[in-house]
Amino acid sequence: MDCHDLIGCCVVDHHDWLLSDHVDLLPRLLLPLAGPEEFDDDDMEKLPVDLQYLPADKEREPDADIRRMLTEALNQVLNLAANFILFA
């Protein structure tokens, strides 16, 4: 899968399915972008389970192109979700 495949799958009209527990896309897109930041317990509980209490040696994806692709995909999914909420 390349950058265009990932972004393409995020612009379809099935964002509700993409963000559902069946696919769980959001944590999969965010995990490579997560680093070793520490959060207090209140903030930690707001994160998806897969992103809570990551090990102290967790590193972000080192490849800038992959990070860009992930943030573009996140942008697409979240924009679609926002439009769906606004115009539903």
PDB file of N, CA and C in Angstrom:
ATOM      1  N   MET A   1       0.854  -1.175   0.000  1.00  0.00           N
ATOM      2  CA  MET A   1       0.000   0.000   0.000  1.00  0.00           C
ATOM      3  C   MET A   1       0.893   1.229   0.000  1.00  0.00           C
ATOM      4  N   ASP A   2       0.618   2.134  -0.909  1.00  0.00           N
ATOM      5  CA  ASP A   2       1.389   3.368  -0.917  1.00  0.00           C
ATOM      6  C   ASP A   2       0.540   4.516  -0.388  1.00  0.00           C
ATOM      7  N   CYS A   3       1.118   5.692  -0.419  1.00  0.00           N
ATOM      8  CA  CYS A   3       0.470   6.889   0.128  1.00  0.00           C
ATOM      9  C   CYS A   3      -0.900   7.123  -0.501  1.00  0.00           C
ATOM     10  N   HIS A   4      -1.002   6.981  -1.806  1.00  0.00           N
ATOM     11  CA  HIS A   4      -2.264   7.261  -2.493  1.00  0.00           C
ATOM     12  C   HIS A   4      -3.331   6.237  -2.145  1.00  0.00           C
ATOM     13  N   ASP A   5      -2.939   4.969  -1.939  1.00  0.00           N
ATOM     14  CA  ASP A   5      -3.910   3.946  -1.532  1.00  0.00           C
ATOM     15  C   ASP A   5      -4.499   4.276  -0.173  1.00  0.00           C
ATOM     16  N   LEU A   6      -3.626   4.642   0.767  1.00  0.00           N
ATOM     17  CA  LEU A   6      -4.095   4.942   2.118  1.00  0.00           C
ATOM     18  C   LEU A   6      -5.004   6.162   2.125  1.00  0.00           C
ATOM     19  N   ILE A   7      -4.582   7.210   1.464  1.00  0.00           N
ATOM     20  CA  ILE A   7      -5.406   8.420   1.439  1.00  0.00           C
ATOM     21  C   ILE A   7      -6.698   8.157   0.675  1.00  0.00           C
ATOM     22  N   GLY A   8      -6.618   7.400  -0.408  1.00  0.00           N
ATOM     23  CA  GLY A   8      -7.808   7.071  -1.179  1.00  0.00           C
ATOM     24  C   GLY A   8      -8.835   6.319  -0.364  1.00  0.00           C
ATOM     25  N   CYS A   9      -8.396   5.399   0.477  1.00  0.00           N
ATOM     26  CA  CYS A   9      -9.362   4.651   1.287  1.00  0.00           C
ATOM     27  C   CYS A   9      -9.992   5.539   2.352  1.00  0.00           C
ATOM     28  N   CYS A  10      -9.364   6.657   2.659  1.00  0.00           N
ATOM     29  CA  CYS A  10      -9.884   7.547   3.684  1.00  0.00           C
ATOM     30  C   CYS A  10     -10.834   8.607   3.137  1.00  0.00           C
ATOM     31  N   VAL A  11     -10.970   8.701   1.820  1.00  0.00           N
ATOM     32  CA  VAL A  11     -11.870   9.701   1.270  1.00  0.00           C
ATOM     33  C   VAL A  11     -13.183   9.100   0.788  1.00  0.00           C
ATOM     34  N   VAL A  12     -13.362   7.817   0.982  1.00  0.00           N
ATOM     35  CA  VAL A  12     -14.626   7.202   0.599  1.00  0.00           C
ATOM     36  C   VAL A  12     -15.717   7.647   1.562  1.00  0.00           C
ATOM     37  N   ASP A  13     -16.954   7.415   1.179  1.00  0.00           N
ATOM     38  CA  ASP A  13     -18.085   7.850   2.000  1.00  0.00           C
ATOM     39  C   ASP A  13     -18.428   6.873   3.117  1.00  0.00           C
ATOM     40  N   HIS A  14     -17.473   6.120   3.569  1.00  0.00           N
ATOM     41  CA  HIS A  14     -17.724   5.143   4.625  1.00  0.00           C
ATOM     42  C   HIS A  14     -16.917   5.482   5.879  1.00  0.00           C
ATOM     43  N   HIS A  15     -16.769   6.784   6.147  1.00  0.00           N
ATOM     44  CA  HIS A  15     -15.966   7.197   7.289  1.00  0.00           C
ATOM     45  C   HIS A  15     -16.542   6.690   8.610  1.00  0.00           C
ATOM     46  N   ASP A  16     -17.875   6.552   8.691  1.00  0.00           N
ATOM     47  CA  ASP A  16     -18.458   6.023   9.927  1.00  0.00           C
ATOM     48  C   ASP A  16     -17.996   4.590  10.152  1.00  0.00           C
ATOM     49  N   TRP A  17     -17.873   3.830   9.076  1.00  0.00           N
ATOM     50  CA  TRP A  17     -17.367   2.449   9.182  1.00  0.00           C
ATOM     51  C   TRP A  17     -15.870   2.459   9.484  1.00  0.00           C
ATOM     52  N   LEU A  18     -15.114   3.348   8.825  1.00  0.00           N
ATOM     53  CA  LEU A  18     -13.675   3.414   9.055  1.00  0.00           C
ATOM     54  C   LEU A  18     -13.338   3.761  10.498  1.00  0.00           C
ATOM     55  N   LEU A  19     -14.173   4.586  11.130  1.00  0.00           N
ATOM     56  CA  LEU A  19     -13.920   4.991  12.511  1.00  0.00           C
ATOM     57  C   LEU A  19     -14.577   4.063  13.527  1.00  0.00           C
ATOM     58  N   SER A  20     -15.313   3.060  13.054  1.00  0.00           N
ATOM     59  CA  SER A  20     -16.012   2.148  13.965  1.00  0.00           C
ATOM     60  C   SER A  20     -15.035   1.193  14.640  1.00  0.00           C
ATOM     61  N   ASP A  21     -15.533   0.473  15.638  1.00  0.00           N
ATOM     62  CA  ASP A  21     -14.716  -0.509  16.346  1.00  0.00           C
ATOM     63  C   ASP A  21     -14.333  -1.686  15.454  1.00  0.00           C
ATOM     64  N   HIS A  22     -15.089  -1.894  14.364  1.00  0.00           N
ATOM     65  CA  HIS A  22     -14.780  -3.009  13.463  1.00  0.00           C
ATOM     66  C   HIS A  22     -13.463  -2.791  12.739  1.00  0.00           C
ATOM     67  N   VAL A  23     -13.178  -1.565  12.381  1.00  0.00           N
ATOM     68  CA  VAL A  23     -11.946  -1.245  11.662  1.00  0.00           C
ATOM     69  C   VAL A  23     -10.925  -0.640  12.606  1.00  0.00           C
ATOM     70  N   ASP A  24     -11.372   0.234  13.493  1.00  0.00           N
ATOM     71  CA  ASP A  24     -10.498   0.881  14.474  1.00  0.00           C
ATOM     72  C   ASP A  24      -9.341   1.605  13.792  1.00  0.00           C
ATOM     73  N   LEU A  25      -9.662   2.384  12.777  1.00  0.00           N
ATOM     74  CA  LEU A  25      -8.657   3.044  11.955  1.00  0.00           C
ATOM     75  C   LEU A  25      -7.893   4.133  12.696  1.00  0.00           C
ATOM     76  N   LEU A  26      -8.576   4.894  13.522  1.00  0.00           N
ATOM     77  CA  LEU A  26      -7.938   6.028  14.180  1.00  0.00           C
ATOM     78  C   LEU A  26      -6.689   5.627  14.982  1.00  0.00           C
ATOM     79  N   PRO A  27      -6.771   4.633  15.872  1.00  0.00           N
ATOM     80  CA  PRO A  27      -5.551   4.246  16.588  1.00  0.00           C
ATOM     81  C   PRO A  27      -4.464   3.711  15.663  1.00  0.00           C
ATOM     82  N   ARG A  28      -4.854   3.054  14.588  1.00  0.00           N
ATOM     83  CA  ARG A  28      -3.856   2.515  13.652  1.00  0.00           C
ATOM     84  C   ARG A  28      -3.109   3.629  12.922  1.00  0.00           C
ATOM     85  N   LEU A  29      -3.793   4.734  12.662  1.00  0.00           N
ATOM     86  CA  LEU A  29      -3.133   5.868  12.030  1.00  0.00           C
ATOM     87  C   LEU A  29      -2.306   6.671  13.034  1.00  0.00           C
ATOM     88  N   LEU A  30      -2.771   6.726  14.268  1.00  0.00           N
ATOM     89  CA  LEU A  30      -2.094   7.546  15.279  1.00  0.00           C
ATOM     90  C   LEU A  30      -0.888   6.861  15.929  1.00  0.00           C
ATOM     91  N   LEU A  31      -0.911   5.547  16.064  1.00  0.00           N
ATOM     92  CA  LEU A  31       0.155   4.855  16.796  1.00  0.00           C
ATOM     93  C   LEU A  31       1.551   5.132  16.239  1.00  0.00           C
ATOM     94  N   PRO A  32       1.758   5.096  14.918  1.00  0.00           N
ATOM     95  CA  PRO A  32       3.114   5.407  14.427  1.00  0.00           C
ATOM     96  C   PRO A  32       3.543   6.849  14.689  1.00  0.00           C
ATOM     97  N   LEU A  33       2.581   7.735  14.919  1.00  0.00           N
ATOM     98  CA  LEU A  33       2.895   9.142  15.178  1.00  0.00           C
ATOM     99  C   LEU A  33       3.139   9.412  16.662  1.00  0.00           C
ATOM    100  N   ALA A  34       2.785   8.455  17.499  1.00  0.00           N
ATOM    101  CA  ALA A  34       2.931   8.632  18.953  1.00  0.00           C
ATOM    102  C   ALA A  34       4.385   8.476  19.360  1.00  0.00           C
ATOM    103  N   GLY A  35       4.765   9.275  20.339  1.00  0.00           N
ATOM    104  CA  GLY A  35       6.115   9.206  20.875  1.00  0.00           C
ATOM    105  C   GLY A  35       6.069   8.859  22.351  1.00  0.00           C
ATOM    106  N   PRO A  36       7.132   9.174  23.064  1.00  0.00           N
ATOM    107  CA  PRO A  36       7.231   8.801  24.473  1.00  0.00           C
ATOM    108  C   PRO A  36       6.627   9.816  25.437  1.00  0.00           C
ATOM    109  N   GLU A  37       5.743  10.684  24.935  1.00  0.00           N
ATOM    110  CA  GLU A  37       5.168  11.706  25.811  1.00  0.00           C
ATOM    111  C   GLU A  37       4.444  11.059  26.991  1.00  0.00           C
ATOM    112  N   GLU A  38       4.486  11.762  28.106  1.00  0.00           N
ATOM    113  CA  GLU A  38       3.751  11.308  29.285  1.00  0.00           C
ATOM    114  C   GLU A  38       2.539  12.202  29.473  1.00  0.00           C
ATOM    115  N   PHE A  39       1.415  11.594  29.827  1.00  0.00           N
ATOM    116  CA  PHE A  39       0.176  12.318  30.078  1.00  0.00           C
ATOM    117  C   PHE A  39      -0.321  11.970  31.468  1.00  0.00           C
ATOM    118  N   ASP A  40      -1.057  12.891  32.075  1.00  0.00           N
ATOM    119  CA  ASP A  40      -1.646  12.543  33.370  1.00  0.00           C
ATOM    120  C   ASP A  40      -2.774  11.534  33.123  1.00  0.00           C
ATOM    121  N   ASP A  41      -3.206  10.889  34.173  1.00  0.00           N
ATOM    122  CA  ASP A  41      -4.182   9.807  34.033  1.00  0.00           C
ATOM    123  C   ASP A  41      -5.495  10.262  33.404  1.00  0.00           C
ATOM    124  N   ASP A  42      -5.939  11.480  33.707  1.00  0.00           N
ATOM    125  CA  ASP A  42      -7.192  11.974  33.121  1.00  0.00           C
ATOM    126  C   ASP A  42      -7.088  12.069  31.602  1.00  0.00           C
ATOM    127  N   ASP A  43      -5.979  12.624  31.121  1.00  0.00           N
ATOM    128  CA  ASP A  43      -5.785  12.726  29.675  1.00  0.00           C
ATOM    129  C   ASP A  43      -5.552  11.358  29.046  1.00  0.00           C
ATOM    130  N   MET A  44      -4.830  10.491  29.744  1.00  0.00           N
ATOM    131  CA  MET A  44      -4.541   9.160  29.226  1.00  0.00           C
ATOM    132  C   MET A  44      -5.825   8.375  28.982  1.00  0.00           C
ATOM    133  N   GLU A  45      -6.785   8.517  29.870  1.00  0.00           N
ATOM    134  CA  GLU A  45      -8.049   7.786  29.746  1.00  0.00           C
ATOM    135  C   GLU A  45      -8.873   8.251  28.544  1.00  0.00           C
ATOM    136  N   LYS A  46      -8.595   9.438  28.036  1.00  0.00           N
ATOM    137  CA  LYS A  46      -9.324   9.958  26.877  1.00  0.00           C
ATOM    138  C   LYS A  46      -8.804   9.384  25.562  1.00  0.00           C
ATOM    139  N   LEU A  47      -7.608   8.821  25.593  1.00  0.00           N
ATOM    140  CA  LEU A  47      -7.006   8.258  24.385  1.00  0.00           C
ATOM    141  C   LEU A  47      -7.600   6.888  24.077  1.00  0.00           C
ATOM    142  N   PRO A  48      -7.567   6.476  22.803  1.00  0.00           N
ATOM    143  CA  PRO A  48      -7.955   5.094  22.491  1.00  0.00           C
ATOM    144  C   PRO A  48      -7.067   4.116  23.273  1.00  0.00           C
ATOM    145  N   VAL A  49      -7.600   2.981  23.625  1.00  0.00           N
ATOM    146  CA  VAL A  49      -6.888   2.015  24.468  1.00  0.00           C
ATOM    147  C   VAL A  49      -5.509   1.670  23.895  1.00  0.00           C
ATOM    148  N   ASP A  50      -5.417   1.516  22.586  1.00  0.00           N
ATOM    149  CA  ASP A  50      -4.136   1.150  21.969  1.00  0.00           C
ATOM    150  C   ASP A  50      -3.065   2.225  22.108  1.00  0.00           C
ATOM    151  N   LEU A  51      -3.469   3.426  22.481  1.00  0.00           N
ATOM    152  CA  LEU A  51      -2.512   4.529  22.620  1.00  0.00           C
ATOM    153  C   LEU A  51      -2.233   4.895  24.071  1.00  0.00           C
ATOM    154  N   GLN A  52      -2.835   4.184  24.995  1.00  0.00           N
ATOM    155  CA  GLN A  52      -2.641   4.475  26.415  1.00  0.00           C
ATOM    156  C   GLN A  52      -1.417   3.756  26.952  1.00  0.00           C
ATOM    157  N   TYR A  53      -0.706   4.448  27.808  1.00  0.00           N
ATOM    158  CA  TYR A  53       0.410   3.872  28.563  1.00  0.00           C
ATOM    159  C   TYR A  53       1.414   3.159  27.657  1.00  0.00           C
ATOM    160  N   LEU A  54       1.862   3.866  26.636  1.00  0.00           N
ATOM    161  CA  LEU A  54       2.884   3.320  25.750  1.00  0.00           C
ATOM    162  C   LEU A  54       4.212   3.255  26.499  1.00  0.00           C
ATOM    163  N   PRO A  55       5.087   2.350  26.108  1.00  0.00           N
ATOM    164  CA  PRO A  55       6.371   2.242  26.802  1.00  0.00           C
ATOM    165  C   PRO A  55       7.212   3.507  26.634  1.00  0.00           C
ATOM    166  N   ALA A  56       8.081   3.749  27.588  1.00  0.00           N
ATOM    167  CA  ALA A  56       8.920   4.951  27.578  1.00  0.00           C
ATOM    168  C   ALA A  56       9.866   4.983  26.381  1.00  0.00           C
ATOM    169  N   ASP A  57      10.164   3.827  25.803  1.00  0.00           N
ATOM    170  CA  ASP A  57      11.072   3.788  24.659  1.00  0.00           C
ATOM    171  C   ASP A  57      10.344   3.828  23.308  1.00  0.00           C
ATOM    172  N   LYS A  58       9.029   4.098  23.325  1.00  0.00           N
ATOM    173  CA  LYS A  58       8.245   4.192  22.088  1.00  0.00           C
ATOM    174  C   LYS A  58       8.765   5.358  21.258  1.00  0.00           C
ATOM    175  N   GLU A  59       9.049   5.095  19.997  1.00  0.00           N
ATOM    176  CA  GLU A  59       9.541   6.147  19.106  1.00  0.00           C
ATOM    177  C   GLU A  59       8.556   6.385  17.975  1.00  0.00           C
ATOM    178  N   ARG A  60       8.518   7.629  17.521  1.00  0.00           N
ATOM    179  CA  ARG A  60       7.702   7.967  16.360  1.00  0.00           C
ATOM    180  C   ARG A  60       8.278   7.323  15.115  1.00  0.00           C
ATOM    181  N   GLU A  61       7.432   7.167  14.116  1.00  0.00           N
ATOM    182  CA  GLU A  61       7.886   6.701  12.811  1.00  0.00           C
ATOM    183  C   GLU A  61       9.016   7.626  12.335  1.00  0.00           C
ATOM    184  N   PRO A  62      10.179   7.083  12.018  1.00  0.00           N
ATOM    185  CA  PRO A  62      11.306   7.937  11.636  1.00  0.00           C
ATOM    186  C   PRO A  62      11.205   8.505  10.219  1.00  0.00           C
ATOM    187  N   ASP A  63      10.451   7.874   9.343  1.00  0.00           N
ATOM    188  CA  ASP A  63      10.368   8.298   7.946  1.00  0.00           C
ATOM    189  C   ASP A  63       9.371   9.458   7.802  1.00  0.00           C
ATOM    190  N   ALA A  64       9.880  10.612   7.399  1.00  0.00           N
ATOM    191  CA  ALA A  64       9.040  11.804   7.278  1.00  0.00           C
ATOM    192  C   ALA A  64       7.932  11.623   6.244  1.00  0.00           C
ATOM    193  N   ASP A  65       8.179  10.885   5.183  1.00  0.00           N
ATOM    194  CA  ASP A  65       7.150  10.659   4.160  1.00  0.00           C
ATOM    195  C   ASP A  65       5.990   9.838   4.716  1.00  0.00           C
ATOM    196  N   ILE A  66       6.301   8.864   5.517  1.00  0.00           N
ATOM    197  CA  ILE A  66       5.248   8.042   6.134  1.00  0.00           C
ATOM    198  C   ILE A  66       4.462   8.875   7.135  1.00  0.00           C
ATOM    199  N   ARG A  67       5.151   9.691   7.938  1.00  0.00           N
ATOM    200  CA  ARG A  67       4.443  10.573   8.874  1.00  0.00           C
ATOM    201  C   ARG A  67       3.508  11.524   8.129  1.00  0.00           C
ATOM    202  N   ARG A  68       3.975  12.073   7.009  1.00  0.00           N
ATOM    203  CA  ARG A  68       3.145  12.965   6.199  1.00  0.00           C
ATOM    204  C   ARG A  68       1.929  12.215   5.655  1.00  0.00           C
ATOM    205  N   MET A  69       2.138  11.011   5.154  1.00  0.00           N
ATOM    206  CA  MET A  69       1.042  10.209   4.626  1.00  0.00           C
ATOM    207  C   MET A  69       0.009   9.934   5.712  1.00  0.00           C
ATOM    208  N   LEU A  70       0.457   9.604   6.908  1.00  0.00           N
ATOM    209  CA  LEU A  70      -0.459   9.327   8.018  1.00  0.00           C
ATOM    210  C   LEU A  70      -1.244  10.574   8.421  1.00  0.00           C
ATOM    211  N   THR A  71      -0.582  11.713   8.479  1.00  0.00           N
ATOM    212  CA  THR A  71      -1.304  12.936   8.849  1.00  0.00           C
ATOM    213  C   THR A  71      -2.283  13.354   7.753  1.00  0.00           C
ATOM    214  N   GLU A  72      -1.938  13.140   6.487  1.00  0.00           N
ATOM    215  CA  GLU A  72      -2.875  13.433   5.403  1.00  0.00           C
ATOM    216  C   GLU A  72      -4.099  12.515   5.481  1.00  0.00           C
ATOM    217  N   ALA A  73      -3.868  11.244   5.773  1.00  0.00           N
ATOM    218  CA  ALA A  73      -4.979  10.299   5.915  1.00  0.00           C
ATOM    219  C   ALA A  73      -5.867  10.690   7.096  1.00  0.00           C
ATOM    220  N   LEU A  74      -5.262  11.058   8.207  1.00  0.00           N
ATOM    221  CA  LEU A  74      -6.032  11.519   9.367  1.00  0.00           C
ATOM    222  C   LEU A  74      -6.866  12.746   9.014  1.00  0.00           C
ATOM    223  N   ASN A  75      -6.256  13.668   8.312  1.00  0.00           N
ATOM    224  CA  ASN A  75      -6.973  14.874   7.877  1.00  0.00           C
ATOM    225  C   ASN A  75      -8.200  14.515   7.055  1.00  0.00           C
ATOM    226  N   GLN A  76      -8.052  13.614   6.108  1.00  0.00           N
ATOM    227  CA  GLN A  76      -9.163  13.206   5.249  1.00  0.00           C
ATOM    228  C   GLN A  76     -10.287  12.579   6.066  1.00  0.00           C
ATOM    229  N   VAL A  77      -9.932  11.645   6.932  1.00  0.00           N
ATOM    230  CA  VAL A  77     -10.948  10.949   7.733  1.00  0.00           C
ATOM    231  C   VAL A  77     -11.673  11.925   8.649  1.00  0.00           C
ATOM    232  N   LEU A  78     -10.933  12.786   9.319  1.00  0.00           N
ATOM    233  CA  LEU A  78     -11.556  13.709  10.260  1.00  0.00           C
ATOM    234  C   LEU A  78     -12.382  14.779   9.547  1.00  0.00           C
ATOM    235  N   ASN A  79     -11.942  15.225   8.383  1.00  0.00           N
ATOM    236  CA  ASN A  79     -12.749  16.182   7.613  1.00  0.00           C
ATOM    237  C   ASN A  79     -14.053  15.551   7.156  1.00  0.00           C
ATOM    238  N   LEU A  80     -13.991  14.316   6.698  1.00  0.00           N
ATOM    239  CA  LEU A  80     -15.216  13.626   6.290  1.00  0.00           C
ATOM    240  C   LEU A  80     -16.156  13.439   7.467  1.00  0.00           C
ATOM    241  N   ALA A  81     -15.594  13.052   8.612  1.00  0.00           N
ATOM    242  CA  ALA A  81     -16.422  12.854   9.800  1.00  0.00           C
ATOM    243  C   ALA A  81     -17.067  14.168  10.228  1.00  0.00           C
ATOM    244  N   ALA A  82     -16.324  15.267  10.175  1.00  0.00           N
ATOM    245  CA  ALA A  82     -16.870  16.569  10.549  1.00  0.00           C
ATOM    246  C   ALA A  82     -17.985  16.981   9.588  1.00  0.00           C
ATOM    247  N   ASN A  83     -17.781  16.758   8.297  1.00  0.00           N
ATOM    248  CA  ASN A  83     -18.819  17.090   7.306  1.00  0.00           C
ATOM    249  C   ASN A  83     -20.068  16.236   7.510  1.00  0.00           C
ATOM    250  N   PHE A  84     -19.864  14.988   7.843  1.00  0.00           N
ATOM    251  CA  PHE A  84     -20.996  14.094   8.079  1.00  0.00           C
ATOM    252  C   PHE A  84     -21.820  14.605   9.262  1.00  0.00           C
ATOM    253  N   ILE A  85     -21.143  15.031  10.312  1.00  0.00           N
ATOM    254  CA  ILE A  85     -21.838  15.526  11.515  1.00  0.00           C
ATOM    255  C   ILE A  85     -22.562  16.844  11.198  1.00  0.00           C
ATOM    256  N   LEU A  86     -21.890  17.721  10.457  1.00  0.00           N
ATOM    257  CA  LEU A  86     -22.481  19.021  10.142  1.00  0.00           C
ATOM    258  C   LEU A  86     -23.692  18.921   9.211  1.00  0.00           C
ATOM    259  N   PHE A  87     -23.636  18.010   8.258  1.00  0.00           N
ATOM    260  CA  PHE A  87     -24.663  17.949   7.239  1.00  0.00           C
ATOM    261  C   PHE A  87     -25.597  16.759   7.377  1.00  0.00           C
ATOM    262  N   ALA A  88     -25.538  16.069   8.502  1.00  0.00           N
ATOM    263  CA  ALA A  88     -26.400  14.897   8.710  1.00  0.00           C
ATOM    264  C   ALA A  88     -27.796  15.320   9.096  1.00  0.00           C
TER     265      ALA A  88
END
